[in-house]
N, C-alpha and C. Protein backbone atom coordinates (compact mmCIF):
# COMPACT_ATOMS: atom_id res chain seq x y z
N MET A 1 0.83 -1.18 0.00
CA MET A 1 0.00 0.00 0.00
C MET A 1 0.88 1.26 0.00
N ARG A 2 1.90 1.24 0.83
CA ARG A 2 2.81 2.37 0.92
C ARG A 2 3.51 2.58 -0.42
N GLN A 3 3.85 1.51 -1.07
CA GLN A 3 4.54 1.59 -2.35
C GLN A 3 3.62 2.17 -3.43
N LYS A 4 2.33 1.85 -3.41
CA LYS A 4 1.37 2.39 -4.37
C LYS A 4 1.23 3.89 -4.19
N ILE A 5 1.23 4.35 -2.95
CA ILE A 5 1.11 5.79 -2.67
C ILE A 5 2.34 6.51 -3.20
N ASN A 6 3.52 5.94 -2.98
CA ASN A 6 4.76 6.56 -3.49
C ASN A 6 4.75 6.63 -5.02
N VAL A 7 4.27 5.60 -5.69
CA VAL A 7 4.18 5.57 -7.15
C VAL A 7 3.21 6.65 -7.62
N LEU A 8 2.06 6.77 -6.96
CA LEU A 8 1.08 7.79 -7.32
C LEU A 8 1.65 9.20 -7.11
N ILE A 9 2.39 9.40 -6.04
CA ILE A 9 3.01 10.70 -5.78
C ILE A 9 4.02 11.02 -6.87
N ILE A 10 4.82 10.07 -7.27
CA ILE A 10 5.83 10.27 -8.32
C ILE A 10 5.15 10.57 -9.65
N ILE A 11 4.12 9.83 -9.99
CA ILE A 11 3.39 10.06 -11.24
C ILE A 11 2.72 11.44 -11.21
N SER A 12 2.09 11.78 -10.10
CA SER A 12 1.44 13.09 -9.97
C SER A 12 2.45 14.22 -10.08
N SER A 13 3.63 14.04 -9.49
CA SER A 13 4.69 15.06 -9.57
C SER A 13 5.17 15.22 -11.01
N ALA A 14 5.32 14.10 -11.71
CA ALA A 14 5.77 14.15 -13.10
C ALA A 14 4.72 14.84 -13.97
N VAL A 15 3.45 14.54 -13.74
CA VAL A 15 2.38 15.18 -14.50
C VAL A 15 2.34 16.68 -14.18
N LEU A 16 2.51 17.03 -12.92
CA LEU A 16 2.51 18.44 -12.52
C LEU A 16 3.67 19.19 -13.17
N VAL A 17 4.86 18.60 -13.19
CA VAL A 17 6.02 19.22 -13.86
C VAL A 17 5.74 19.36 -15.35
N GLY A 18 5.14 18.36 -15.96
CA GLY A 18 4.78 18.43 -17.38
C GLY A 18 3.81 19.56 -17.65
N LEU A 19 2.80 19.72 -16.79
CA LEU A 19 1.83 20.80 -16.95
C LEU A 19 2.49 22.18 -16.77
N ILE A 20 3.42 22.29 -15.84
CA ILE A 20 4.12 23.56 -15.63
C ILE A 20 4.96 23.92 -16.85
N VAL A 21 5.66 22.93 -17.42
CA VAL A 21 6.46 23.18 -18.62
C VAL A 21 5.57 23.58 -19.78
N MET A 22 4.43 22.89 -19.93
CA MET A 22 3.51 23.22 -21.02
C MET A 22 2.96 24.64 -20.84
N GLN A 23 2.60 24.99 -19.62
CA GLN A 23 2.09 26.33 -19.35
C GLN A 23 3.16 27.40 -19.62
N TYR A 24 4.41 27.10 -19.27
CA TYR A 24 5.52 28.03 -19.53
C TYR A 24 5.64 28.31 -21.04
N PHE A 25 5.62 27.26 -21.85
CA PHE A 25 5.74 27.45 -23.30
C PHE A 25 4.54 28.19 -23.89
N LEU A 26 3.35 27.92 -23.36
CA LEU A 26 2.16 28.63 -23.84
C LEU A 26 2.22 30.12 -23.51
N VAL A 27 2.63 30.46 -22.30
CA VAL A 27 2.74 31.86 -21.90
C VAL A 27 3.85 32.54 -22.70
N LYS A 28 4.98 31.87 -22.87
CA LYS A 28 6.09 32.44 -23.63
C LYS A 28 5.67 32.71 -25.08
N THR A 29 4.99 31.77 -25.69
CA THR A 29 4.54 31.93 -27.07
C THR A 29 3.53 33.07 -27.18
N ALA A 30 2.61 33.16 -26.25
CA ALA A 30 1.62 34.23 -26.26
C ALA A 30 2.30 35.59 -26.10
N TYR A 31 3.29 35.66 -25.22
CA TYR A 31 4.03 36.92 -25.02
C TYR A 31 4.77 37.33 -26.29
N GLU A 32 5.47 36.39 -26.90
CA GLU A 32 6.20 36.69 -28.14
C GLU A 32 5.25 37.13 -29.25
N TYR A 33 4.08 36.52 -29.32
CA TYR A 33 3.09 36.91 -30.32
C TYR A 33 2.61 38.34 -30.08
N LYS A 34 2.32 38.68 -28.83
CA LYS A 34 1.86 40.04 -28.51
C LYS A 34 2.94 41.07 -28.81
N VAL A 35 4.19 40.76 -28.49
CA VAL A 35 5.30 41.68 -28.77
C VAL A 35 5.43 41.89 -30.27
N GLU A 36 5.37 40.82 -31.04
CA GLU A 36 5.48 40.93 -32.49
C GLU A 36 4.30 41.71 -33.07
N GLN A 37 3.12 41.50 -32.54
CA GLN A 37 1.94 42.24 -32.99
C GLN A 37 2.09 43.73 -32.67
N PHE A 38 2.61 44.05 -31.50
CA PHE A 38 2.83 45.45 -31.12
C PHE A 38 3.84 46.11 -32.05
N ARG A 39 4.94 45.42 -32.31
CA ARG A 39 5.97 45.97 -33.21
C ARG A 39 5.41 46.19 -34.62
N LEU A 40 4.60 45.28 -35.08
CA LEU A 40 4.00 45.42 -36.40
C LEU A 40 3.07 46.64 -36.45
N GLU A 41 2.27 46.83 -35.40
CA GLU A 41 1.39 48.00 -35.35
C GLU A 41 2.19 49.30 -35.34
N VAL A 42 3.28 49.31 -34.58
CA VAL A 42 4.13 50.52 -34.51
C VAL A 42 4.73 50.80 -35.88
N LYS A 43 5.23 49.77 -36.55
CA LYS A 43 5.81 49.97 -37.89
C LYS A 43 4.77 50.50 -38.86
N GLU A 44 3.57 49.96 -38.80
CA GLU A 44 2.50 50.41 -39.71
C GLU A 44 2.14 51.87 -39.45
N LYS A 45 2.05 52.25 -38.18
CA LYS A 45 1.69 53.64 -37.86
C LYS A 45 2.80 54.59 -38.25
N ILE A 46 4.06 54.20 -38.04
CA ILE A 46 5.19 55.05 -38.45
C ILE A 46 5.20 55.18 -39.96
N ALA A 47 4.96 54.08 -40.66
CA ALA A 47 4.94 54.14 -42.13
C ALA A 47 3.82 55.05 -42.61
N LYS A 48 2.67 55.01 -41.95
CA LYS A 48 1.56 55.86 -42.35
C LYS A 48 1.91 57.33 -42.14
N ILE A 49 2.55 57.63 -41.01
CA ILE A 49 2.93 59.01 -40.72
C ILE A 49 3.96 59.51 -41.71
N THR A 50 4.99 58.71 -41.98
CA THR A 50 6.04 59.16 -42.89
C THR A 50 5.56 59.22 -44.33
N ASN A 51 4.61 58.38 -44.71
CA ASN A 51 4.08 58.45 -46.07
C ASN A 51 3.30 59.73 -46.30
N ASP A 52 2.69 60.27 -45.25
CA ASP A 52 1.95 61.52 -45.39
C ASP A 52 2.89 62.68 -45.73
N TYR A 53 4.13 62.60 -45.29
CA TYR A 53 5.08 63.69 -45.52
C TYR A 53 5.98 63.46 -46.73
N SER A 54 5.84 62.33 -47.38
CA SER A 54 6.72 62.05 -48.52
C SER A 54 6.46 63.00 -49.68
N ASP A 55 5.21 63.44 -49.85
CA ASP A 55 4.90 64.39 -50.91
C ASP A 55 5.59 65.73 -50.66
N ILE A 56 5.61 66.17 -49.42
CA ILE A 56 6.28 67.42 -49.07
C ILE A 56 7.77 67.30 -49.32
N ASP A 57 8.36 66.16 -48.90
CA ASP A 57 9.78 65.95 -49.11
C ASP A 57 10.13 65.93 -50.59
N SER A 58 9.33 65.25 -51.39
CA SER A 58 9.63 65.17 -52.82
C SER A 58 9.50 66.55 -53.47
N THR A 59 8.55 67.36 -53.03
CA THR A 59 8.41 68.72 -53.56
C THR A 59 9.64 69.54 -53.22
N LEU A 60 10.11 69.41 -51.99
CA LEU A 60 11.31 70.15 -51.58
C LEU A 60 12.50 69.74 -52.44
N PHE A 61 12.69 68.46 -52.68
CA PHE A 61 13.82 68.00 -53.48
C PHE A 61 13.71 68.47 -54.93
N VAL A 62 12.51 68.48 -55.45
CA VAL A 62 12.32 68.95 -56.84
C VAL A 62 12.67 70.43 -56.93
N LYS A 63 12.18 71.22 -55.98
CA LYS A 63 12.49 72.65 -55.99
C LYS A 63 13.99 72.89 -55.86
N LYS A 64 14.63 72.12 -54.97
CA LYS A 64 16.08 72.27 -54.78
C LYS A 64 16.83 71.90 -56.06
N ASP A 65 16.44 70.80 -56.68
CA ASP A 65 17.10 70.39 -57.92
C ASP A 65 16.92 71.42 -59.03
N LEU A 66 15.71 71.97 -59.15
CA LEU A 66 15.48 73.00 -60.17
C LEU A 66 16.31 74.24 -59.89
N TYR A 67 16.41 74.62 -58.64
CA TYR A 67 17.20 75.80 -58.28
C TYR A 67 18.67 75.59 -58.65
N TYR A 68 19.23 74.45 -58.26
CA TYR A 68 20.64 74.19 -58.55
C TYR A 68 20.90 74.04 -60.06
N LYS A 69 19.94 73.49 -60.78
CA LYS A 69 20.09 73.39 -62.24
C LYS A 69 20.12 74.79 -62.85
N GLN A 70 19.23 75.67 -62.38
CA GLN A 70 19.19 77.04 -62.88
C GLN A 70 20.49 77.77 -62.56
N VAL A 71 21.04 77.56 -61.37
CA VAL A 71 22.30 78.19 -60.99
C VAL A 71 23.44 77.67 -61.86
N ALA A 72 23.46 76.36 -62.13
CA ALA A 72 24.51 75.80 -62.97
C ALA A 72 24.43 76.35 -64.39
N VAL A 73 23.23 76.43 -64.93
CA VAL A 73 23.07 76.98 -66.28
C VAL A 73 23.50 78.44 -66.30
N ASP A 74 23.12 79.19 -65.26
CA ASP A 74 23.51 80.59 -65.18
C ASP A 74 25.04 80.73 -65.13
N TYR A 75 25.69 79.86 -64.40
CA TYR A 75 27.16 79.92 -64.30
C TYR A 75 27.81 79.55 -65.63
N LEU A 76 27.27 78.52 -66.29
CA LEU A 76 27.86 78.09 -67.55
C LEU A 76 27.69 79.15 -68.64
N LEU A 77 26.56 79.83 -68.63
CA LEU A 77 26.32 80.85 -69.65
C LEU A 77 27.09 82.14 -69.38
N ASN A 78 27.35 82.44 -68.12
CA ASN A 78 28.04 83.67 -67.78
C ASN A 78 28.99 83.43 -66.60
N PRO A 79 30.21 82.96 -66.84
CA PRO A 79 31.14 82.66 -65.76
C PRO A 79 31.57 83.89 -64.97
N ASP A 80 31.31 85.09 -65.47
CA ASP A 80 31.70 86.30 -64.75
C ASP A 80 30.87 86.49 -63.47
N ARG A 81 29.76 85.84 -63.38
CA ARG A 81 28.89 86.00 -62.22
C ARG A 81 29.20 84.98 -61.12
N LYS A 82 30.39 84.44 -61.09
CA LYS A 82 30.75 83.40 -60.14
C LYS A 82 30.53 83.84 -58.69
N GLU A 83 30.97 85.03 -58.34
CA GLU A 83 30.85 85.51 -56.96
C GLU A 83 29.38 85.68 -56.56
N ARG A 84 28.56 86.21 -57.46
CA ARG A 84 27.14 86.40 -57.16
C ARG A 84 26.44 85.05 -57.00
N ILE A 85 26.84 84.08 -57.82
CA ILE A 85 26.24 82.74 -57.73
C ILE A 85 26.62 82.08 -56.41
N LYS A 86 27.89 82.24 -56.01
CA LYS A 86 28.31 81.67 -54.73
C LYS A 86 27.48 82.26 -53.59
N GLN A 87 27.29 83.55 -53.61
CA GLN A 87 26.52 84.21 -52.55
C GLN A 87 25.06 83.77 -52.57
N SER A 88 24.49 83.63 -53.76
CA SER A 88 23.09 83.21 -53.82
C SER A 88 22.92 81.77 -53.32
N ILE A 89 23.89 80.92 -53.57
CA ILE A 89 23.81 79.54 -53.08
C ILE A 89 23.92 79.52 -51.56
N LEU A 90 24.84 80.33 -51.02
CA LEU A 90 25.03 80.34 -49.57
C LEU A 90 23.86 81.01 -48.84
N GLN A 91 23.11 81.87 -49.50
CA GLN A 91 22.02 82.60 -48.84
C GLN A 91 20.64 82.04 -49.15
N ASN A 92 20.53 80.97 -49.92
CA ASN A 92 19.20 80.49 -50.30
C ASN A 92 18.55 79.67 -49.19
N SER A 93 17.31 79.28 -49.42
CA SER A 93 16.55 78.55 -48.40
C SER A 93 17.04 77.11 -48.23
N PHE A 94 17.89 76.64 -49.12
CA PHE A 94 18.41 75.27 -49.02
C PHE A 94 19.79 75.25 -48.38
N LYS A 95 20.14 76.32 -47.68
CA LYS A 95 21.47 76.41 -47.08
C LYS A 95 21.73 75.24 -46.14
N LYS A 96 20.72 74.80 -45.44
CA LYS A 96 20.89 73.68 -44.52
C LYS A 96 21.24 72.40 -45.26
N GLU A 97 20.85 72.33 -46.50
CA GLU A 97 21.10 71.13 -47.30
C GLU A 97 22.58 71.00 -47.66
N LEU A 98 23.25 72.13 -47.73
CA LEU A 98 24.66 72.08 -48.09
C LEU A 98 25.48 71.51 -46.95
N THR A 99 26.44 70.72 -47.27
CA THR A 99 27.30 70.18 -46.24
C THR A 99 28.35 71.22 -45.86
N LEU A 100 28.97 71.00 -44.73
CA LEU A 100 30.01 71.93 -44.29
C LEU A 100 31.17 71.96 -45.28
N LYS A 101 31.44 70.82 -45.88
CA LYS A 101 32.54 70.75 -46.83
C LYS A 101 32.26 71.66 -48.05
N LEU A 102 31.02 71.60 -48.56
CA LEU A 102 30.67 72.47 -49.68
C LEU A 102 30.71 73.94 -49.27
N GLN A 103 30.24 74.25 -48.09
CA GLN A 103 30.25 75.63 -47.64
C GLN A 103 31.68 76.15 -47.54
N ARG A 104 32.59 75.32 -47.02
CA ARG A 104 34.00 75.74 -46.93
C ARG A 104 34.60 75.92 -48.32
N ALA A 105 34.22 75.04 -49.25
CA ALA A 105 34.75 75.16 -50.62
C ALA A 105 34.25 76.44 -51.28
N PHE A 106 33.01 76.81 -51.02
CA PHE A 106 32.47 78.04 -51.61
C PHE A 106 33.08 79.29 -50.98
N GLN A 107 33.46 79.22 -49.71
CA GLN A 107 33.99 80.38 -49.03
C GLN A 107 35.44 80.66 -49.41
N LYS A 108 36.13 79.73 -50.01
CA LYS A 108 37.54 79.94 -50.41
C LYS A 108 37.67 80.86 -51.58
């Protein structure tokens, strides 16, 4: 009788450990799923926000490209205006776009 009780206790303990391991994997999987779902939602919302501003960015780049093309054509047609062109490039609204290296090259 004592031996049967010990066997039942061992079997019950093994089943309990098995249930704990199964519960651990279920909770871990559910947590990983929720984290992945959260990251996906964040990526989608960021993409939606940045897509709204892509039209503004593309307009800015087009304006900048047209401005620099006009300046290049002006310089090629009349090289005597080099100093005025340098000043207009340094004073335009795209000044932030210029790198420090370009600004130093223009100031020489």
